[in-house]
Amino acid sequence: MFRVSSNIKLRFSLSTFPKRFSSFRATKPVIDKASIDGELRVFIVAGEVSGDNIGSRLMASLKKLSPLPLRFHGIGGSLMSKQGLTPLFPMEDLAVMGVWELLPHLYKFRVKLKETIDAVTMFNPHVVVTVDSKGFSFRLLKELRARYNQQREASSPVHFHYVAPSFWAWRGGESRLGGLSEFVDHLLCILPNEEMVLREHGVEATFVGHPVLEDASEFNLVRTCKPQESKLEGLSTSKDSTVISVLPGSRLQEVERMLPIFAKAMKLLKHQFPKLVTLIHVASNTQVDRYIKDSLHEWPVPAILVPSGSTQLKYDAFGASQAALCTSGTVAVELQLARLPSLVAYRAHFLTELLIRYKAKIPYISLPNILLDSPIIPEALFQSCNPSNLASILERLLLDEEMRAKQVAAAETLTRLLHPSKSLHCNGLEPHGYTPSTLAASTILSYAKS
């Protein structure tokens, strides 16, 4: 981990700026402007579980690197709260995914948006950071910029957005990038090649690396296809047991849709594997936690709940498993880096599925397949996401050693793709001390707005 000892304060000055910020030398960096007030005020917004994880890591790195005291305000979950954030309202109020799924929540979103804008104005931050959830995040940044422009504020906060929109996945996605620079000052990218494309469209950006590298760095994850000894409390299985990690999602809507399908698949799979045991990963979302616990009485095989609040516990569960069944999302990358063979599944509202089929320009939905441009991880999407198909693919994944080995081998290539060696060199950070959050925090502190 990249650490700063408690008796050393990093000093940021124009002479220590990364070269790529040379065009901004006419103005003071964020940390110098904050020094006038004797503190750095950061308003940070995360609307879902993955964003809460990214946001909490960023907050921790800012505290390590900043020579000034920090004050945080905004929206986040339990992990960000542990770093000192008192959320404006529950993060779950923003955790809705899809197009038609969003419609019933539009009025609530408008109310929450106004509440957030008023809170930003009252807090008077030096920096506003939004993490993913681009529907809410971009609307917030647009209206904030409009308000400050209307009031002709000379010292409006610098706007950062962490996790670039998936312009590469949709037809016409790149054509909409040009307008981002009107309300986003700098984008923190998590995927290779995003920085280059964004800069070509006039958007300042830095590739900081994928957040899952944070866990891989901290726990030095190395495993093979064979399940490792587990430290999970309550997991006591015989040597001939078949253990599957089940990850139904982090939003209530997707868990309500996916968990019943997964349950039926496990019931079918039990015929082939009588000693089947499932480790059900529960996201840090109170609504999801309640729903999964209420559904356990209908679960067809022995199950152990794995709370996602502990990264160590999560990877212990991966190590104890022979395969995983997951809803598409960040977890597909986590499973790949943990060397756990997996199956990615996804269902949505049928109108949302039609829109995805029409607008998508890539053949895959899971990030490892997209980055490797190969169907390394089997995907069961839309109508193919049914119990019998899931059970059939999982059976092959458990028994076919060649299929399993290909997934494990691909993890090495994926890790290299997700590591931003060039950005590390520009920021003066050593590879052995790198994490995505330290590079993101360094970029924020040294950034000077043109």
Protein backbone atom coordinates (compact mmCIF):
# COMPACT_ATOMS: atom_id res chain seq x y z
CA MET A 1 0.00 0.00 0.00
CA PHE A 2 1.18 3.56 -0.68
CA ARG A 3 1.37 5.14 2.79
CA VAL A 4 2.40 8.45 4.28
CA SER A 5 3.68 8.27 7.86
CA SER A 6 1.76 10.28 10.43
CA ASN A 7 4.66 12.70 11.04
CA ILE A 8 5.17 13.57 7.38
CA LYS A 9 2.99 15.96 5.42
CA LEU A 10 3.16 15.89 1.65
CA ARG A 11 3.74 19.31 0.18
CA PHE A 12 2.19 20.08 -3.19
CA SER A 13 3.62 22.91 -5.24
CA LEU A 14 3.74 23.91 -8.87
CA SER A 15 7.23 22.47 -9.18
CA THR A 16 6.02 18.97 -8.24
CA PHE A 17 3.07 18.79 -10.63
CA PRO A 18 2.84 15.87 -13.04
CA LYS A 19 3.81 16.91 -16.58
CA ARG A 20 0.35 16.28 -17.99
CA PHE A 21 -1.02 19.14 -15.87
CA SER A 22 1.34 21.71 -17.42
CA SER A 23 -1.56 23.38 -19.25
CA PHE A 24 -3.14 24.28 -15.88
CA ARG A 25 -0.14 26.02 -14.31
CA ALA A 26 -1.77 29.43 -14.54
CA THR A 27 -3.99 28.60 -11.57
CA LYS A 28 -3.43 27.12 -8.10
CA PRO A 29 -3.91 23.42 -7.44
CA VAL A 30 -6.80 22.23 -5.30
CA ILE A 31 -4.68 21.76 -2.17
CA ASP A 32 -3.21 25.27 -2.37
CA LYS A 33 -6.66 26.84 -2.68
CA ALA A 34 -7.89 24.79 0.28
CA SER A 35 -4.92 25.90 2.39
CA ILE A 36 -6.42 29.40 2.51
CA ASP A 37 -9.34 27.95 4.53
CA GLY A 38 -7.09 25.66 6.58
CA GLU A 39 -9.00 22.55 5.49
CA LEU A 40 -10.02 20.62 2.38
CA ARG A 41 -13.78 20.21 2.00
CA VAL A 42 -14.87 17.31 -0.23
CA PHE A 43 -18.48 16.66 -1.20
CA ILE A 44 -18.62 13.06 -2.40
CA VAL A 45 -21.56 11.11 -3.87
CA ALA A 46 -21.91 7.35 -4.39
CA GLY A 47 -25.25 5.80 -5.33
CA GLU A 48 -24.61 2.06 -5.06
CA VAL A 49 -22.53 -0.59 -3.30
CA SER A 50 -19.61 -0.60 -5.76
CA GLY A 51 -19.49 3.19 -5.58
CA ASP A 52 -19.47 3.04 -1.77
CA ASN A 53 -16.39 0.81 -1.94
CA ILE A 54 -14.61 3.12 -4.40
CA GLY A 55 -15.61 6.21 -2.43
CA SER A 56 -14.41 4.83 0.90
CA ARG A 57 -11.02 3.88 -0.56
CA LEU A 58 -10.67 7.35 -2.09
CA MET A 59 -11.56 9.02 1.21
CA ALA A 60 -8.94 6.93 3.05
CA SER A 61 -6.26 7.81 0.47
CA LEU A 62 -7.12 11.51 0.58
CA LYS A 63 -6.68 11.44 4.35
CA LYS A 64 -3.27 9.79 3.97
CA LEU A 65 -2.00 12.14 1.26
CA SER A 66 -3.52 15.50 2.19
CA PRO A 67 -1.33 17.93 4.18
CA LEU A 68 -4.57 19.58 5.35
CA PRO A 69 -7.40 18.34 7.57
CA LEU A 70 -10.34 17.04 5.55
CA ARG A 71 -14.08 17.44 5.95
CA PHE A 72 -16.45 15.17 4.03
CA HIS A 73 -20.12 15.53 3.25
CA GLY A 74 -22.37 13.82 0.71
CA ILE A 75 -24.06 10.49 -0.01
CA GLY A 76 -22.65 7.03 0.58
CA GLY A 77 -23.03 3.72 2.33
CA SER A 78 -21.59 1.96 5.34
CA LEU A 79 -18.00 1.89 4.08
CA MET A 80 -17.91 5.63 3.42
CA SER A 81 -19.54 6.24 6.81
CA LYS A 82 -16.63 4.42 8.44
CA GLN A 83 -14.31 6.94 6.80
CA GLY A 84 -16.13 9.86 8.38
CA LEU A 85 -19.08 10.58 6.09
CA THR A 86 -22.50 11.35 7.56
CA PRO A 87 -24.78 10.59 4.59
CA LEU A 88 -27.29 13.19 3.51
CA PHE A 89 -29.80 10.35 2.97
CA PRO A 90 -29.58 6.54 2.50
CA MET A 91 -27.54 5.57 -0.54
CA GLU A 92 -30.17 2.94 -1.40
CA ASP A 93 -32.52 5.77 -2.46
CA LEU A 94 -30.41 6.10 -5.63
CA ALA A 95 -29.71 2.40 -6.32
CA VAL A 96 -31.97 1.80 -9.33
CA MET A 97 -30.71 0.29 -12.58
CA GLY A 98 -32.38 0.18 -15.97
CA VAL A 99 -34.54 2.47 -18.09
CA TRP A 100 -38.14 1.44 -17.48
CA GLU A 101 -37.19 0.35 -13.97
CA LEU A 102 -36.32 3.99 -13.25
CA LEU A 103 -39.66 5.53 -14.26
CA PRO A 104 -41.55 4.92 -10.97
CA HIS A 105 -38.71 6.61 -9.07
CA LEU A 106 -38.36 9.80 -11.14
CA TYR A 107 -40.19 12.09 -8.70
CA LYS A 108 -38.16 10.80 -5.75
CA PHE A 109 -34.96 11.33 -7.75
CA ARG A 110 -35.90 14.94 -8.50
CA VAL A 111 -36.51 15.58 -4.78
CA LYS A 112 -33.20 13.97 -3.83
CA LEU A 113 -31.39 15.91 -6.54
CA LYS A 114 -32.64 19.27 -5.22
CA GLU A 115 -31.78 18.22 -1.66
CA THR A 116 -28.25 17.33 -2.76
CA ILE A 117 -27.71 20.58 -4.69
CA ASP A 118 -28.80 22.62 -1.68
CA ALA A 119 -26.46 20.59 0.56
CA VAL A 120 -23.50 21.23 -1.76
CA THR A 121 -24.19 24.97 -1.72
CA MET A 122 -24.38 25.03 2.07
CA PHE A 123 -21.21 22.95 2.48
CA ASN A 124 -19.18 25.18 0.09
CA PRO A 125 -16.72 22.44 -0.95
CA HIS A 126 -13.40 22.84 -2.71
CA VAL A 127 -14.02 19.58 -4.58
CA VAL A 128 -17.13 17.65 -5.66
CA VAL A 129 -16.54 13.97 -6.46
CA THR A 130 -19.28 11.79 -7.96
CA VAL A 131 -18.70 8.05 -8.21
CA ASP A 132 -20.35 6.11 -11.05
CA SER A 133 -24.23 6.26 -11.06
CA LYS A 134 -23.94 8.61 -14.02
CA GLY A 135 -27.68 9.29 -14.33
CA PHE A 136 -27.82 11.03 -10.96
CA SER A 137 -24.17 12.14 -10.92
CA PHE A 138 -24.18 13.95 -14.26
CA ARG A 139 -27.49 15.67 -13.55
CA LEU A 140 -26.08 16.85 -10.22
CA LEU A 141 -22.86 18.20 -11.75
CA LYS A 142 -24.75 19.91 -14.59
CA GLU A 143 -27.14 21.73 -12.27
CA LEU A 144 -24.35 22.67 -9.87
CA ARG A 145 -22.31 24.18 -12.70
CA ALA A 146 -25.37 26.06 -13.95
CA ARG A 147 -26.07 27.43 -10.47
CA TYR A 148 -22.50 28.61 -9.94
CA ASN A 149 -22.39 30.17 -13.41
CA GLN A 150 -25.66 31.97 -12.77
CA GLN A 151 -24.34 33.34 -9.49
CA ARG A 152 -21.02 34.13 -11.21
CA GLU A 153 -19.04 32.48 -8.47
CA ALA A 154 -15.31 32.90 -9.10
CA SER A 155 -14.35 30.04 -6.77
CA SER A 156 -16.73 27.26 -7.80
CA PRO A 157 -15.63 23.75 -6.72
CA VAL A 158 -13.69 21.47 -9.03
CA HIS A 159 -15.85 18.64 -10.39
CA PHE A 160 -14.42 15.11 -10.57
CA HIS A 161 -16.28 12.05 -11.77
CA TYR A 162 -14.87 8.63 -10.86
CA VAL A 163 -15.66 5.81 -13.36
CA ALA A 164 -16.19 6.94 -16.94
CA PRO A 165 -19.51 6.29 -18.70
CA SER A 166 -19.47 3.14 -20.86
CA PHE A 167 -19.27 5.04 -24.15
CA TRP A 168 -17.44 2.08 -25.72
CA ALA A 169 -20.43 -0.23 -25.18
CA TRP A 170 -23.17 1.70 -27.03
CA ARG A 171 -23.78 2.84 -30.55
CA GLY A 172 -23.10 6.58 -30.74
CA GLY A 173 -21.55 6.57 -27.27
CA GLU A 174 -18.42 8.49 -28.24
CA SER A 175 -20.46 11.23 -29.95
CA ARG A 176 -21.90 12.27 -26.57
CA LEU A 177 -18.53 12.71 -24.86
CA GLY A 178 -17.90 16.26 -26.05
CA GLY A 179 -20.49 17.78 -23.71
CA LEU A 180 -18.92 16.26 -20.59
CA SER A 181 -16.27 18.96 -20.31
CA GLU A 182 -19.01 21.54 -19.70
CA PHE A 183 -19.72 20.15 -16.22
CA VAL A 184 -16.92 17.64 -15.45
CA ASP A 185 -13.46 19.11 -14.93
CA HIS A 186 -11.66 15.77 -14.71
CA LEU A 187 -12.61 12.12 -15.16
CA LEU A 188 -10.96 9.31 -13.21
CA CYS A 189 -11.07 6.24 -15.50
CA ILE A 190 -10.87 2.62 -14.39
CA LEU A 191 -10.35 0.96 -17.79
CA PRO A 192 -7.47 1.11 -20.29
CA ASN A 193 -7.87 3.28 -23.42
CA GLU A 194 -10.70 5.35 -21.90
CA GLU A 195 -8.28 8.20 -21.07
CA MET A 196 -7.06 8.47 -24.65
CA VAL A 197 -10.56 8.55 -26.18
CA LEU A 198 -11.86 11.05 -23.62
CA ARG A 199 -8.93 13.41 -24.22
CA GLU A 200 -9.52 13.18 -27.97
CA HIS A 201 -13.04 14.50 -27.26
CA GLY A 202 -11.81 17.38 -25.11
CA VAL A 203 -12.37 15.77 -21.69
CA GLU A 204 -9.51 15.83 -19.17
CA ALA A 205 -9.03 12.30 -17.81
CA THR A 206 -6.63 10.03 -15.91
CA PHE A 207 -6.54 6.23 -15.99
CA VAL A 208 -6.18 5.24 -12.32
CA GLY A 209 -6.82 1.48 -12.63
CA HIS A 210 -9.72 -0.76 -11.75
CA PRO A 211 -10.88 -0.70 -8.07
CA VAL A 212 -10.57 -4.50 -7.72
CA LEU A 213 -6.79 -4.08 -7.95
CA GLU A 214 -7.05 -2.49 -4.50
CA ASP A 215 -8.13 -5.81 -3.00
CA ALA A 216 -5.66 -7.80 -5.10
CA SER A 217 -2.83 -5.58 -3.84
CA GLU A 218 -3.93 -5.72 -0.21
CA PHE A 219 -4.41 -9.48 0.00
CA ASN A 220 -1.87 -10.54 -2.67
CA LEU A 221 -4.40 -12.88 -4.21
CA VAL A 222 -2.89 -16.00 -5.71
CA ARG A 223 -4.95 -19.17 -6.15
CA THR A 224 -5.47 -22.09 -8.50
CA CYS A 225 -8.53 -23.91 -9.70
CA LYS A 226 -8.51 -26.03 -6.52
CA PRO A 227 -10.52 -24.61 -3.60
CA GLN A 228 -8.42 -23.45 -0.66
CA GLU A 229 -8.99 -23.95 3.03
CA SER A 230 -11.70 -21.56 4.20
CA LYS A 231 -11.75 -19.34 7.27
CA LEU A 232 -15.51 -18.88 6.93
CA GLU A 233 -17.31 -19.48 10.18
CA GLY A 234 -19.98 -22.15 9.82
CA LEU A 235 -18.53 -23.70 6.67
CA SER A 236 -17.91 -27.34 7.44
CA THR A 237 -18.11 -29.54 4.38
CA SER A 238 -16.83 -32.96 3.44
CA LYS A 239 -14.12 -33.35 0.84
CA ASP A 240 -16.63 -34.47 -1.78
CA SER A 241 -18.90 -31.44 -1.29
CA THR A 242 -19.47 -29.10 -4.22
CA VAL A 243 -19.29 -25.45 -3.13
CA ILE A 244 -20.63 -22.63 -5.34
CA SER A 245 -20.48 -18.91 -4.62
CA VAL A 246 -23.76 -17.22 -5.57
CA LEU A 247 -23.73 -13.45 -6.13
CA PRO A 248 -27.23 -12.20 -7.04
CA GLY A 249 -26.39 -8.47 -7.24
CA SER A 250 -26.22 -5.34 -5.13
CA ARG A 251 -29.50 -3.57 -6.00
CA LEU A 252 -32.84 -4.73 -4.63
CA GLN A 253 -34.50 -4.78 -8.07
CA GLU A 254 -31.90 -7.05 -9.64
CA VAL A 255 -31.74 -9.35 -6.60
CA GLU A 256 -35.53 -9.74 -6.64
CA ARG A 257 -35.30 -10.74 -10.28
CA MET A 258 -32.18 -12.93 -10.17
CA LEU A 259 -32.33 -14.81 -6.86
CA PRO A 260 -35.48 -16.89 -7.71
CA ILE A 261 -33.87 -17.92 -11.03
CA PHE A 262 -30.65 -18.87 -9.22
CA ALA A 263 -32.65 -20.88 -6.64
CA LYS A 264 -34.32 -22.97 -9.35
CA ALA A 265 -30.95 -23.54 -11.03
CA MET A 266 -29.47 -24.81 -7.73
CA LYS A 267 -32.44 -27.17 -7.32
CA LEU A 268 -31.71 -28.68 -10.75
CA LEU A 269 -27.98 -28.83 -10.12
CA LYS A 270 -28.53 -30.70 -6.86
CA HIS A 271 -29.56 -33.81 -8.83
CA GLN A 272 -26.06 -34.02 -10.34
CA PHE A 273 -24.23 -32.84 -7.19
CA PRO A 274 -26.11 -34.19 -4.11
CA LYS A 275 -23.67 -32.57 -1.65
CA LEU A 276 -24.07 -29.10 -3.12
CA VAL A 277 -23.43 -26.15 -0.76
CA THR A 278 -23.91 -22.48 -1.69
CA LEU A 279 -22.21 -19.38 -0.31
CA ILE A 280 -24.62 -16.49 -0.94
CA HIS A 281 -22.84 -13.13 -1.01
CA VAL A 282 -24.97 -10.34 0.48
CA ALA A 283 -24.28 -6.77 -0.64
CA SER A 284 -23.96 -3.91 1.86
CA ASN A 285 -27.53 -2.85 1.21
CA THR A 286 -30.09 -3.17 4.00
CA GLN A 287 -32.94 -3.84 1.57
CA VAL A 288 -30.97 -6.59 -0.19
CA ASP A 289 -29.88 -8.10 3.11
CA ARG A 290 -33.48 -8.29 4.34
CA TYR A 291 -34.78 -9.78 1.08
CA ILE A 292 -32.13 -12.52 0.92
CA LYS A 293 -32.64 -13.52 4.55
CA ASP A 294 -36.41 -13.69 4.01
CA SER A 295 -35.86 -15.89 0.94
CA LEU A 296 -33.64 -18.46 2.63
CA HIS A 297 -36.56 -20.66 3.74
CA GLU A 298 -37.21 -21.42 0.04
CA TRP A 299 -33.55 -22.00 -0.89
CA PRO A 300 -33.22 -25.61 -2.11
CA VAL A 301 -29.69 -26.46 -0.86
CA PRO A 302 -27.61 -25.69 2.25
CA ALA A 303 -26.54 -22.05 2.24
CA ILE A 304 -24.19 -19.77 4.18
CA LEU A 305 -24.53 -16.00 3.93
CA VAL A 306 -21.35 -14.03 3.21
CA PRO A 307 -21.58 -10.29 4.07
CA SER A 308 -19.70 -8.13 1.58
CA GLY A 309 -18.49 -5.66 4.21
CA SER A 310 -15.29 -7.68 4.70
CA THR A 311 -13.05 -8.09 1.67
CA GLN A 312 -11.10 -10.80 3.48
CA LEU A 313 -14.30 -12.77 4.13
CA LYS A 314 -15.39 -12.37 0.52
CA TYR A 315 -12.14 -13.77 -0.84
CA ASP A 316 -12.17 -16.55 1.75
CA ALA A 317 -15.54 -17.55 0.28
CA PHE A 318 -14.10 -17.42 -3.25
CA GLY A 319 -11.21 -19.59 -2.08
CA ALA A 320 -13.60 -22.17 -0.63
CA SER A 321 -15.63 -22.38 -3.84
CA GLN A 322 -15.17 -24.47 -6.97
CA ALA A 323 -17.27 -22.13 -9.16
CA ALA A 324 -19.42 -19.01 -9.00
CA LEU A 325 -22.75 -17.85 -10.40
CA CYS A 326 -23.06 -14.07 -10.52
CA THR A 327 -25.23 -11.28 -11.80
CA SER A 328 -23.27 -9.15 -14.29
CA GLY A 329 -21.27 -6.36 -12.67
CA THR A 330 -17.95 -5.50 -11.04
CA VAL A 331 -17.94 -8.87 -9.32
CA ALA A 332 -17.11 -10.58 -12.63
CA VAL A 333 -13.69 -8.90 -12.49
CA GLU A 334 -13.26 -9.81 -8.81
CA LEU A 335 -13.98 -13.46 -9.58
CA GLN A 336 -11.55 -13.43 -12.47
CA LEU A 337 -8.72 -11.95 -10.40
CA ALA A 338 -9.51 -14.46 -7.62
CA ARG A 339 -9.04 -17.22 -10.23
CA LEU A 340 -12.50 -18.63 -9.55
CA PRO A 341 -14.23 -20.06 -12.67
CA SER A 342 -17.60 -18.38 -13.02
CA LEU A 343 -20.81 -17.94 -15.00
CA VAL A 344 -22.27 -14.46 -15.58
CA ALA A 345 -26.06 -14.12 -15.80
CA TYR A 346 -28.38 -11.17 -16.40
CA ARG A 347 -32.09 -10.44 -16.76
CA ALA A 348 -33.90 -7.08 -16.85
CA HIS A 349 -37.31 -5.63 -17.70
CA PHE A 350 -38.16 -6.89 -21.20
CA LEU A 351 -38.22 -3.33 -22.60
CA THR A 352 -34.79 -2.65 -21.10
CA GLU A 353 -33.53 -5.87 -22.70
CA LEU A 354 -34.89 -4.77 -26.09
CA LEU A 355 -33.13 -1.43 -25.74
CA ILE A 356 -29.84 -3.12 -24.82
CA ARG A 357 -30.09 -5.40 -27.86
CA TYR A 358 -30.73 -2.40 -30.10
CA LYS A 359 -28.11 -0.03 -28.66
CA ALA A 360 -25.24 -2.34 -27.67
CA LYS A 361 -22.29 -2.53 -30.07
CA ILE A 362 -20.28 -5.20 -28.25
CA PRO A 363 -21.15 -8.92 -28.07
CA TYR A 364 -20.40 -9.35 -24.34
CA ILE A 365 -21.74 -7.96 -21.07
CA SER A 366 -19.04 -9.01 -18.57
CA LEU A 367 -15.98 -6.77 -18.34
CA PRO A 368 -13.34 -9.53 -18.55
CA ASN A 369 -14.82 -10.75 -21.85
CA ILE A 370 -15.01 -7.18 -23.16
CA LEU A 371 -11.40 -6.36 -22.30
CA LEU A 372 -10.05 -9.69 -23.54
CA ASP A 373 -12.38 -9.64 -26.58
CA SER A 374 -13.11 -13.30 -26.02
CA PRO A 375 -15.92 -15.32 -24.37
CA ILE A 376 -13.61 -16.59 -21.62
CA ILE A 377 -16.44 -16.39 -19.09
CA PRO A 378 -19.72 -18.03 -20.18
CA GLU A 379 -22.66 -15.60 -20.22
CA ALA A 380 -26.36 -16.42 -19.90
CA LEU A 381 -28.25 -13.28 -20.87
CA PHE A 382 -31.92 -12.35 -21.19
CA GLN A 383 -33.96 -15.34 -22.41
CA SER A 384 -30.92 -17.60 -22.02
CA CYS A 385 -30.87 -16.75 -18.33
CA ASN A 386 -33.20 -19.54 -17.24
CA PRO A 387 -32.75 -22.24 -14.57
CA SER A 388 -32.11 -25.17 -16.90
CA ASN A 389 -29.48 -23.31 -18.93
CA LEU A 390 -27.74 -22.00 -15.82
CA ALA A 391 -27.63 -25.49 -14.29
CA SER A 392 -26.28 -26.98 -17.52
CA ILE A 393 -23.48 -24.41 -17.88
CA LEU A 394 -22.53 -24.69 -14.19
CA GLU A 395 -22.31 -28.47 -14.53
CA ARG A 396 -19.88 -28.10 -17.43
CA LEU A 397 -17.93 -25.43 -15.55
CA LEU A 398 -17.51 -27.74 -12.57
CA LEU A 399 -16.50 -30.82 -14.58
CA ASP A 400 -14.62 -29.47 -17.62
CA GLU A 401 -11.01 -28.87 -16.49
CA GLU A 402 -10.02 -27.26 -19.80
CA MET A 403 -12.86 -24.74 -19.53
CA ARG A 404 -11.83 -23.91 -15.95
CA ALA A 405 -8.13 -23.60 -16.79
CA LYS A 406 -8.79 -21.09 -19.59
CA GLN A 407 -10.56 -18.74 -17.16
CA VAL A 408 -7.74 -19.00 -14.63
CA ALA A 409 -5.03 -18.39 -17.26
CA ALA A 410 -6.85 -15.31 -18.63
CA ALA A 411 -6.63 -13.61 -15.22
CA GLU A 412 -2.93 -12.79 -15.75
CA THR A 413 -3.66 -10.91 -18.98
CA LEU A 414 -6.61 -9.11 -17.40
CA THR A 415 -4.49 -7.92 -14.44
CA ARG A 416 -1.91 -6.39 -16.78
CA LEU A 417 -4.61 -4.57 -18.75
CA LEU A 418 -6.10 -3.04 -15.61
CA HIS A 419 -2.79 -1.69 -14.25
CA PRO A 420 -2.04 1.97 -15.22
CA SER A 421 1.77 1.91 -15.38
CA LYS A 422 1.94 5.08 -17.51
CA SER A 423 -0.21 7.12 -15.11
CA LEU A 424 1.94 5.94 -12.20
CA HIS A 425 5.06 7.25 -13.91
CA CYS A 426 3.43 10.64 -14.58
CA ASN A 427 2.33 11.00 -10.96
CA GLY A 428 5.66 9.95 -9.49
CA LEU A 429 4.20 6.92 -7.66
CA GLU A 430 6.15 3.69 -7.32
CA PRO A 431 4.46 0.55 -8.74
CA HIS A 432 5.03 -1.40 -5.52
CA GLY A 433 3.11 1.21 -3.54
CA TYR A 434 0.32 1.79 -6.05
CA THR A 435 -3.41 1.44 -5.52
CA PRO A 436 -6.14 2.98 -7.71
CA SER A 437 -7.31 5.19 -4.83
CA THR A 438 -3.84 6.64 -4.15
CA LEU A 439 -3.46 7.59 -7.80
CA ALA A 440 -6.97 9.09 -7.82
CA ALA A 441 -6.31 11.02 -4.59
CA SER A 442 -2.96 12.30 -5.90
CA THR A 443 -4.66 13.48 -9.10
CA ILE A 444 -7.35 15.35 -7.14
CA LEU A 445 -4.94 17.07 -4.73
CA SER A 446 -2.53 18.25 -7.44
CA TYR A 447 -5.17 19.23 -10.00
CA ALA A 448 -5.33 22.88 -11.08
CA LYS A 449 -8.41 24.08 -12.91
CA SER A 450 -7.96 26.11 -16.08
